[in-house]
Each structure stands twice: as C-alpha cells, then as structure tokens.
Amino acid sequence: MKKILVLEDEDSIRSFVVVNLRRAGYEPIEAPTGAEALEKLRANPDIGVALLDVMLPDIDGFEVCRRIRAADSRIGIIMLTAKSMEMDKLTGLSSGADDYVTKPFSTAELTARIDALYRRIGSGAEEQEEDELRQGPFILNMRTRVLTKNGERIKLTQIEYALMKLFMSSAGKPLKREEILNAVWGRESGAEEKVVDVNVRRLRIKIEEDPTLPVYLGTIWGYGYQWNT
C-alpha cells in the first residue's frame, strides 16, 4: 500500500484527511508536529508523498519541507495552505514543494493531486527503451531518472524531472503554461498555472549559469516556455 505522511497539528483536519486517504487506498502516516514528521520519515523511507501543513506548533511547514527536500529529492511534497495567504503558496513552492492545496479543500481535489504525484513517482518503470535524452551539455537518463550537465549530476525533484523530460523532448517547441501544467501535474489536478512558473524558476537555478539570463530554458512572454536547442 502506498504510504503518505500527513503533517497536520489540528486533530479534526488530520483525522478527516487520514480517513479519506484510507478510503482511497493509501496508508497514511500521521504526525502532529514537524519534529515527529521528520522522525516518521526516517522510520518509513518508503513514504512516497508528504502532506505538510504550514502553521505548526514547533517547526513551520516550510522548514520541514526544506529539510525533507535536502535529504530526499524524489519524495512528492504537497503543502496545505490557507486560502487567503498567497505568499504561503509561493513560499512553499520555493522551499521545495511540488504542489499546494488550499484550505478548505475537497477530498476529490486532494486525492487527485496525490494520485498525480504518485503517478509521477512510479512512471520511471514505464519509460521506453530509448532511455536517454541529450540536449547540449545535458543528458537525461530516463531509466535512472538522473540528469547530468557536462558529466556532473544535478539532483532533481519528481516535478523537476518531469519538466526536464518534457522540455528536452520538445526542444525548440514553444509550450503553453496550460500545456505544461496538464503534462506534468495532470488535467484533473486543479493546479494553478503559477505552479509552473515557480518550478521553472527553481529548475533554472539548478541548470543555468545565470538563472536571471537563461540560455537553455527560455521564456515566451505571455505564452509559456521553450527549451532552446
């Protein structure tokens, strides 16, 4: 059964999420504090997705996210944010989260986001025989899900890997934000287009010499992005 960490200090919300995740076929691992969440992750290295609340009694959700991401680039992370706090969404994504869900949220919305991330995690076993993409100094091995630049490995999150695969396989083709969103997060996820911009910005920091003057991953203003050949 697929394990999900549920970090939420409010008992009623955590219980609601846990019950519905069990109904959806997942195995939730509960944690009411950031410290306990990190301990549960160490004890359960097979957790595939983490749901992290922002407001916690000890360590805030952003710091928990940063610590998880520093130790594991492959785990999927979804932040649970307040609907009115726009900065929480951007801060969560900048901290290493793959997606966010705003409170109050529906069970269908939450499970759709989790399903999309788990599909992304498991998609490596379904790659085609031609398992490398090469563009300029980059090689993306789709069997091992490893990106190298001039022979040096670049650690990617699940979402960053999916973005690199999409861009490198569509080199020279302008991609709309909506097209990127549907390809990486899924049509049914309900994610907003700003999640694309934040993750592209994060990806540029890893692959570009100067992220403010990108050479490889260009912006098409008012439209989307393009991988430059």
C-alpha atoms as a PDB file:
ATOM      1  CA  MET A   1       0.000   0.000   0.000  1.00  0.00           C
ATOM      2  CA  LYS A   2       1.276   3.483  -0.867  1.00  0.00           C
ATOM      3  CA  LYS A   3       2.335   5.466   2.189  1.00  0.00           C
ATOM      4  CA  ILE A   4       1.601   9.174   2.709  1.00  0.00           C
ATOM      5  CA  LEU A   5       2.889  11.349   5.532  1.00  0.00           C
ATOM      6  CA  VAL A   6       0.152  13.612   6.923  1.00  0.00           C
ATOM      7  CA  LEU A   7       1.623  16.501   8.931  1.00  0.00           C
ATOM      8  CA  GLU A   8      -1.237  18.484  10.468  1.00  0.00           C
ATOM      9  CA  ASP A   9      -1.490  19.727  14.043  1.00  0.00           C
ATOM     10  CA  GLU A  10      -5.289  20.126  14.092  1.00  0.00           C
ATOM     11  CA  ASP A  11      -6.714  16.759  15.111  1.00  0.00           C
ATOM     12  CA  SER A  12     -10.039  17.216  13.303  1.00  0.00           C
ATOM     13  CA  ILE A  13      -8.429  18.095   9.961  1.00  0.00           C
ATOM     14  CA  ARG A  14      -5.803  15.351  10.265  1.00  0.00           C
ATOM     15  CA  SER A  15      -8.470  12.755  11.087  1.00  0.00           C
ATOM     16  CA  PHE A  16     -10.584  13.875   8.127  1.00  0.00           C
ATOM     17  CA  VAL A  17      -7.625  13.598   5.762  1.00  0.00           C
ATOM     18  CA  VAL A  18      -6.495  10.247   7.161  1.00  0.00           C
ATOM     19  CA  VAL A  19      -9.957   8.647   6.886  1.00  0.00           C
ATOM     20  CA  ASN A  20     -10.359   9.752   3.290  1.00  0.00           C
ATOM     21  CA  LEU A  21      -6.852   8.676   2.292  1.00  0.00           C
ATOM     22  CA  ARG A  22      -7.542   5.216   3.692  1.00  0.00           C
ATOM     23  CA  ARG A  23     -10.759   5.066   1.689  1.00  0.00           C
ATOM     24  CA  ALA A  24      -8.752   5.997  -1.415  1.00  0.00           C
ATOM     25  CA  GLY A  25      -6.414   3.056  -0.829  1.00  0.00           C
ATOM     26  CA  TYR A  26      -3.456   4.863   0.757  1.00  0.00           C
ATOM     27  CA  GLU A  27      -1.659   4.179   4.039  1.00  0.00           C
ATOM     28  CA  PRO A  28      -1.425   7.467   5.957  1.00  0.00           C
ATOM     29  CA  ILE A  29       1.349   8.041   8.487  1.00  0.00           C
ATOM     30  CA  GLU A  30       0.231  10.714  10.955  1.00  0.00           C
ATOM     31  CA  ALA A  31       2.318  13.444  12.587  1.00  0.00           C
ATOM     32  CA  PRO A  32       1.045  16.430  14.635  1.00  0.00           C
ATOM     33  CA  THR A  33       4.419  18.229  14.781  1.00  0.00           C
ATOM     34  CA  GLY A  34       7.282  18.920  12.416  1.00  0.00           C
ATOM     35  CA  ALA A  35       9.789  17.068  14.580  1.00  0.00           C
ATOM     36  CA  GLU A  36       7.597  13.978  14.683  1.00  0.00           C
ATOM     37  CA  ALA A  37       7.059  14.177  10.914  1.00  0.00           C
ATOM     38  CA  LEU A  38      10.808  14.104  10.285  1.00  0.00           C
ATOM     39  CA  GLU A  39      11.164  11.142  12.643  1.00  0.00           C
ATOM     40  CA  LYS A  40       8.326   9.270  10.897  1.00  0.00           C
ATOM     41  CA  LEU A  41      10.027   9.851   7.555  1.00  0.00           C
ATOM     42  CA  ARG A  42      13.273   8.388   8.849  1.00  0.00           C
ATOM     43  CA  ALA A  43      11.361   5.356  10.150  1.00  0.00           C
ATOM     44  CA  ASN A  44       9.381   4.956   6.899  1.00  0.00           C
ATOM     45  CA  PRO A  45      11.758   5.561   3.971  1.00  0.00           C
ATOM     46  CA  ASP A  46       9.127   4.169   1.575  1.00  0.00           C
ATOM     47  CA  ILE A  47       6.799   7.143   2.085  1.00  0.00           C
ATOM     48  CA  GLY A  48       6.162   8.489  -1.416  1.00  0.00           C
ATOM     49  CA  VAL A  49       4.224  11.696  -0.746  1.00  0.00           C
ATOM     50  CA  ALA A  50       4.174  14.123   2.191  1.00  0.00           C
ATOM     51  CA  LEU A  51       1.284  16.473   3.013  1.00  0.00           C
ATOM     52  CA  LEU A  52       2.636  19.355   5.090  1.00  0.00           C
ATOM     53  CA  ASP A  53       0.594  21.956   6.931  1.00  0.00           C
ATOM     54  CA  VAL A  54       2.227  25.389   7.108  1.00  0.00           C
ATOM     55  CA  MET A  55       1.287  26.512  10.632  1.00  0.00           C
ATOM     56  CA  LEU A  56       2.736  24.114  13.224  1.00  0.00           C
ATOM     57  CA  PRO A  57       3.479  24.351  16.960  1.00  0.00           C
ATOM     58  CA  ASP A  58       7.213  23.695  16.634  1.00  0.00           C
ATOM     59  CA  ILE A  59       8.861  23.872  13.184  1.00  0.00           C
ATOM     60  CA  ASP A  60       6.890  25.602  10.452  1.00  0.00           C
ATOM     61  CA  GLY A  61       5.895  23.588   7.401  1.00  0.00           C
ATOM     62  CA  PHE A  62       8.299  25.465   5.123  1.00  0.00           C
ATOM     63  CA  GLU A  63      11.302  24.441   7.222  1.00  0.00           C
ATOM     64  CA  VAL A  64      10.058  20.850   7.346  1.00  0.00           C
ATOM     65  CA  CYS A  65       9.742  20.965   3.569  1.00  0.00           C
ATOM     66  CA  ARG A  66      13.297  22.290   3.166  1.00  0.00           C
ATOM     67  CA  ARG A  67      14.697  19.576   5.445  1.00  0.00           C
ATOM     68  CA  ILE A  68      12.831  16.814   3.626  1.00  0.00           C
ATOM     69  CA  ARG A  69      13.908  18.099   0.235  1.00  0.00           C
ATOM     70  CA  ALA A  70      17.531  18.408   1.322  1.00  0.00           C
ATOM     71  CA  ALA A  71      17.521  14.732   2.311  1.00  0.00           C
ATOM     72  CA  ASP A  72      15.300  13.329  -0.472  1.00  0.00           C
ATOM     73  CA  SER A  73      14.858  14.771  -3.947  1.00  0.00           C
ATOM     74  CA  ARG A  74      12.401  12.085  -5.052  1.00  0.00           C
ATOM     75  CA  ILE A  75       9.585  12.309  -2.498  1.00  0.00           C
ATOM     76  CA  GLY A  76       6.476  14.229  -3.572  1.00  0.00           C
ATOM     77  CA  ILE A  77       5.559  17.181  -1.323  1.00  0.00           C
ATOM     78  CA  ILE A  78       2.199  18.968  -1.149  1.00  0.00           C
ATOM     79  CA  MET A  79       1.749  21.992   1.112  1.00  0.00           C
ATOM     80  CA  LEU A  80      -1.581  22.631   2.850  1.00  0.00           C
ATOM     81  CA  THR A  81      -2.037  26.417   2.840  1.00  0.00           C
ATOM     82  CA  ALA A  82      -4.651  28.951   3.938  1.00  0.00           C
ATOM     83  CA  LYS A  83      -6.799  30.170   1.057  1.00  0.00           C
ATOM     84  CA  SER A  84      -6.128  33.837   1.801  1.00  0.00           C
ATOM     85  CA  MET A  85      -2.343  33.507   2.169  1.00  0.00           C
ATOM     86  CA  GLU A  86      -0.990  33.821  -1.365  1.00  0.00           C
ATOM     87  CA  MET A  87       2.591  34.127  -0.135  1.00  0.00           C
ATOM     88  CA  ASP A  88       2.319  30.754   1.618  1.00  0.00           C
ATOM     89  CA  LYS A  89       1.798  29.091  -1.766  1.00  0.00           C
ATOM     90  CA  LEU A  90       4.828  30.736  -3.325  1.00  0.00           C
ATOM     91  CA  THR A  91       6.997  30.192  -0.239  1.00  0.00           C
ATOM     92  CA  GLY A  92       6.040  26.520  -0.153  1.00  0.00           C
ATOM     93  CA  LEU A  93       6.944  26.005  -3.794  1.00  0.00           C
ATOM     94  CA  SER A  94      10.204  27.901  -3.345  1.00  0.00           C
ATOM     95  CA  SER A  95      11.014  25.707  -0.333  1.00  0.00           C
ATOM     96  CA  GLY A  96      10.870  22.604  -2.497  1.00  0.00           C
ATOM     97  CA  ALA A  97       7.197  21.606  -2.557  1.00  0.00           C
ATOM     98  CA  ASP A  98       5.797  20.149  -5.766  1.00  0.00           C
ATOM     99  CA  ASP A  99       2.264  21.433  -5.300  1.00  0.00           C
ATOM    100  CA  TYR A 100      -0.115  23.045  -2.804  1.00  0.00           C
ATOM    101  CA  VAL A 101      -3.749  22.623  -1.787  1.00  0.00           C
ATOM    102  CA  THR A 102      -5.660  25.459  -0.150  1.00  0.00           C
ATOM    103  CA  LYS A 103      -7.920  25.009   2.858  1.00  0.00           C
ATOM    104  CA  PRO A 104     -10.774  24.216   2.852  1.00  0.00           C
ATOM    105  CA  PHE A 105     -10.211  21.529   0.237  1.00  0.00           C
ATOM    106  CA  SER A 106     -12.364  18.709  -1.104  1.00  0.00           C
ATOM    107  CA  THR A 107     -11.421  15.062  -0.800  1.00  0.00           C
ATOM    108  CA  ALA A 108     -11.566  14.728  -4.592  1.00  0.00           C
ATOM    109  CA  GLU A 109      -9.132  17.619  -5.102  1.00  0.00           C
ATOM    110  CA  LEU A 110      -6.631  16.315  -2.550  1.00  0.00           C
ATOM    111  CA  THR A 111      -6.652  12.735  -3.826  1.00  0.00           C
ATOM    112  CA  ALA A 112      -6.311  13.958  -7.436  1.00  0.00           C
ATOM    113  CA  ARG A 113      -3.140  15.885  -6.512  1.00  0.00           C
ATOM    114  CA  ILE A 114      -1.746  12.900  -4.606  1.00  0.00           C
ATOM    115  CA  ASP A 115      -2.616  10.490  -7.421  1.00  0.00           C
ATOM    116  CA  ALA A 116      -0.828  12.736  -9.920  1.00  0.00           C
ATOM    117  CA  LEU A 117       2.338  12.837  -7.793  1.00  0.00           C
ATOM    118  CA  TYR A 118       2.330   9.082  -7.235  1.00  0.00           C
ATOM    119  CA  ARG A 119       1.953   8.505 -10.966  1.00  0.00           C
ATOM    120  CA  ARG A 120       4.970  10.723 -11.481  1.00  0.00           C
ATOM    121  CA  ILE A 121       6.969   8.733  -8.903  1.00  0.00           C
ATOM    122  CA  GLY A 122       6.056   5.418 -10.492  1.00  0.00           C
ATOM    123  CA  SER A 123       6.427   6.461 -14.109  1.00  0.00           C
ATOM    124  CA  GLY A 124      10.125   5.527 -14.246  1.00  0.00           C
ATOM    125  CA  ALA A 125       9.265   1.867 -14.696  1.00  0.00           C
ATOM    126  CA  GLU A 126       7.213   2.693 -17.786  1.00  0.00           C
ATOM    127  CA  GLU A 127       9.890   4.515 -19.775  1.00  0.00           C
ATOM    128  CA  GLN A 128      10.609   3.445 -23.340  1.00  0.00           C
ATOM    129  CA  GLU A 129      13.700   1.506 -24.412  1.00  0.00           C
ATOM    130  CA  GLU A 130      15.318   4.643 -25.822  1.00  0.00           C
ATOM    131  CA  ASP A 131      16.102   5.876 -22.331  1.00  0.00           C
ATOM    132  CA  GLU A 132      18.308   8.957 -22.809  1.00  0.00           C
ATOM    133  CA  LEU A 133      17.590  12.488 -23.921  1.00  0.00           C
ATOM    134  CA  ARG A 134      20.577  14.629 -24.965  1.00  0.00           C
ATOM    135  CA  GLN A 135      20.484  18.377 -25.441  1.00  0.00           C
ATOM    136  CA  GLY A 136      23.684  20.437 -25.418  1.00  0.00           C
ATOM    137  CA  PRO A 137      25.635  19.679 -22.217  1.00  0.00           C
ATOM    138  CA  PHE A 138      22.668  17.826 -20.685  1.00  0.00           C
ATOM    139  CA  ILE A 139      21.925  14.109 -20.597  1.00  0.00           C
ATOM    140  CA  LEU A 140      18.664  12.950 -19.007  1.00  0.00           C
ATOM    141  CA  ASN A 141      18.670   9.227 -18.298  1.00  0.00           C
ATOM    142  CA  MET A 142      15.017   8.183 -18.116  1.00  0.00           C
ATOM    143  CA  ARG A 143      15.805   4.742 -16.740  1.00  0.00           C
ATOM    144  CA  THR A 144      17.723   6.028 -13.724  1.00  0.00           C
ATOM    145  CA  ARG A 145      15.973   9.456 -13.732  1.00  0.00           C
ATOM    146  CA  VAL A 146      19.351  11.172 -13.462  1.00  0.00           C
ATOM    147  CA  LEU A 147      20.247  14.488 -15.121  1.00  0.00           C
ATOM    148  CA  THR A 148      23.860  15.412 -15.798  1.00  0.00           C
ATOM    149  CA  LYS A 149      25.361  18.618 -17.158  1.00  0.00           C
ATOM    150  CA  ASN A 150      28.867  18.267 -18.572  1.00  0.00           C
ATOM    151  CA  GLY A 151      29.061  14.972 -16.696  1.00  0.00           C
ATOM    152  CA  GLU A 152      28.096  16.488 -13.338  1.00  0.00           C
ATOM    153  CA  ARG A 153      24.922  15.185 -11.715  1.00  0.00           C
ATOM    154  CA  ILE A 154      22.099  17.620 -10.932  1.00  0.00           C
ATOM    155  CA  LYS A 155      19.646  16.454  -8.267  1.00  0.00           C
ATOM    156  CA  LEU A 156      16.023  16.842  -9.361  1.00  0.00           C
ATOM    157  CA  THR A 157      12.693  16.545  -7.605  1.00  0.00           C
ATOM    158  CA  GLN A 158       9.945  14.463  -9.223  1.00  0.00           C
ATOM    159  CA  ILE A 159       8.379  17.569 -10.749  1.00  0.00           C
ATOM    160  CA  GLU A 160      11.716  18.956 -11.946  1.00  0.00           C
ATOM    161  CA  TYR A 161      12.494  15.624 -13.614  1.00  0.00           C
ATOM    162  CA  ALA A 162       9.103  15.680 -15.361  1.00  0.00           C
ATOM    163  CA  LEU A 163       9.699  19.255 -16.523  1.00  0.00           C
ATOM    164  CA  MET A 164      13.160  18.451 -17.877  1.00  0.00           C
ATOM    165  CA  LYS A 165      11.823  15.417 -19.711  1.00  0.00           C
ATOM    166  CA  LEU A 166       9.027  17.491 -21.247  1.00  0.00           C
ATOM    167  CA  PHE A 167      11.287  20.372 -22.275  1.00  0.00           C
ATOM    168  CA  MET A 168      14.142  18.266 -23.616  1.00  0.00           C
ATOM    169  CA  SER A 169      11.793  16.025 -25.607  1.00  0.00           C
ATOM    170  CA  SER A 170      10.093  19.146 -27.031  1.00  0.00           C
ATOM    171  CA  ALA A 171      13.275  21.102 -27.798  1.00  0.00           C
ATOM    172  CA  GLY A 172      12.632  24.166 -29.941  1.00  0.00           C
ATOM    173  CA  LYS A 173       8.864  23.926 -29.475  1.00  0.00           C
ATOM    174  CA  PRO A 174       7.028  26.703 -27.598  1.00  0.00           C
ATOM    175  CA  LEU A 175       4.951  25.203 -24.786  1.00  0.00           C
ATOM    176  CA  LYS A 176       1.978  26.985 -23.253  1.00  0.00           C
ATOM    177  CA  ARG A 177       1.790  27.146 -19.460  1.00  0.00           C
ATOM    178  CA  GLU A 178      -1.503  25.255 -19.637  1.00  0.00           C
ATOM    179  CA  GLU A 179       0.131  22.577 -21.790  1.00  0.00           C
ATOM    180  CA  ILE A 180       2.990  22.199 -19.294  1.00  0.00           C
ATOM    181  CA  LEU A 181       0.541  22.102 -16.383  1.00  0.00           C
ATOM    182  CA  ASN A 182      -1.527  19.342 -17.980  1.00  0.00           C
ATOM    183  CA  ALA A 183       1.528  17.290 -18.985  1.00  0.00           C
ATOM    184  CA  VAL A 184       3.313  17.441 -15.610  1.00  0.00           C
ATOM    185  CA  TRP A 185       0.584  17.885 -12.973  1.00  0.00           C
ATOM    186  CA  GLY A 186      -2.343  16.364 -14.898  1.00  0.00           C
ATOM    187  CA  ARG A 187      -5.569  17.836 -16.239  1.00  0.00           C
ATOM    188  CA  GLU A 188      -7.546  16.599 -13.252  1.00  0.00           C
ATOM    189  CA  SER A 189      -5.209  18.051 -10.606  1.00  0.00           C
ATOM    190  CA  GLY A 190      -6.765  21.527 -10.471  1.00  0.00           C
ATOM    191  CA  ALA A 191      -3.315  23.109 -10.002  1.00  0.00           C
ATOM    192  CA  GLU A 192      -2.881  26.761 -10.983  1.00  0.00           C
ATOM    193  CA  GLU A 193      -0.520  27.973 -13.710  1.00  0.00           C
ATOM    194  CA  LYS A 194       1.658  29.864 -11.222  1.00  0.00           C
ATOM    195  CA  VAL A 195       2.936  26.477 -10.007  1.00  0.00           C
ATOM    196  CA  VAL A 196       4.577  26.128 -13.426  1.00  0.00           C
ATOM    197  CA  ASP A 197       6.367  29.484 -13.131  1.00  0.00           C
ATOM    198  CA  VAL A 198       7.725  28.765  -9.640  1.00  0.00           C
ATOM    199  CA  ASN A 199       9.018  25.318 -10.586  1.00  0.00           C
ATOM    200  CA  VAL A 200      10.605  26.624 -13.790  1.00  0.00           C
ATOM    201  CA  ARG A 201      12.338  29.298 -11.732  1.00  0.00           C
ATOM    202  CA  ARG A 202      13.594  26.637  -9.323  1.00  0.00           C
ATOM    203  CA  LEU A 203      14.763  24.443 -12.191  1.00  0.00           C
ATOM    204  CA  ARG A 204      16.687  27.329 -13.767  1.00  0.00           C
ATOM    205  CA  ILE A 205      18.635  27.811 -10.550  1.00  0.00           C
ATOM    206  CA  LYS A 206      19.903  24.247 -10.952  1.00  0.00           C
ATOM    207  CA  ILE A 207      20.633  24.147 -14.684  1.00  0.00           C
ATOM    208  CA  GLU A 208      21.542  27.689 -15.756  1.00  0.00           C
ATOM    209  CA  GLU A 209      24.827  29.508 -15.147  1.00  0.00           C
ATOM    210  CA  ASP A 210      22.803  32.682 -14.527  1.00  0.00           C
ATOM    211  CA  PRO A 211      19.104  31.954 -13.797  1.00  0.00           C
ATOM    212  CA  THR A 212      18.212  35.602 -14.489  1.00  0.00           C
ATOM    213  CA  LEU A 213      19.632  35.267 -18.021  1.00  0.00           C
ATOM    214  CA  PRO A 214      18.584  31.738 -19.012  1.00  0.00           C
ATOM    215  CA  VAL A 215      20.321  30.190 -22.014  1.00  0.00           C
ATOM    216  CA  TYR A 216      18.585  26.815 -22.180  1.00  0.00           C
ATOM    217  CA  LEU A 217      15.114  27.308 -20.710  1.00  0.00           C
ATOM    218  CA  GLY A 218      13.676  30.441 -22.276  1.00  0.00           C
ATOM    219  CA  THR A 219      10.519  32.400 -21.503  1.00  0.00           C
ATOM    220  CA  ILE A 220       7.972  33.259 -24.164  1.00  0.00           C
ATOM    221  CA  TRP A 221       6.268  36.236 -22.570  1.00  0.00           C
ATOM    222  CA  GLY A 222       2.513  35.923 -22.253  1.00  0.00           C
ATOM    223  CA  TYR A 223       2.636  32.351 -23.540  1.00  0.00           C
ATOM    224  CA  GLY A 224       4.962  29.916 -21.766  1.00  0.00           C
ATOM    225  CA  TYR A 225       8.433  28.414 -22.112  1.00  0.00           C
ATOM    226  CA  GLN A 226      10.728  26.807 -24.664  1.00  0.00           C
ATOM    227  CA  TRP A 227      13.834  24.643 -24.474  1.00  0.00           C
ATOM    228  CA  ASN A 228      16.422  26.297 -26.710  1.00  0.00           C
ATOM    229  CA  THR A 229      18.446  23.959 -28.917  1.00  0.00           C
END
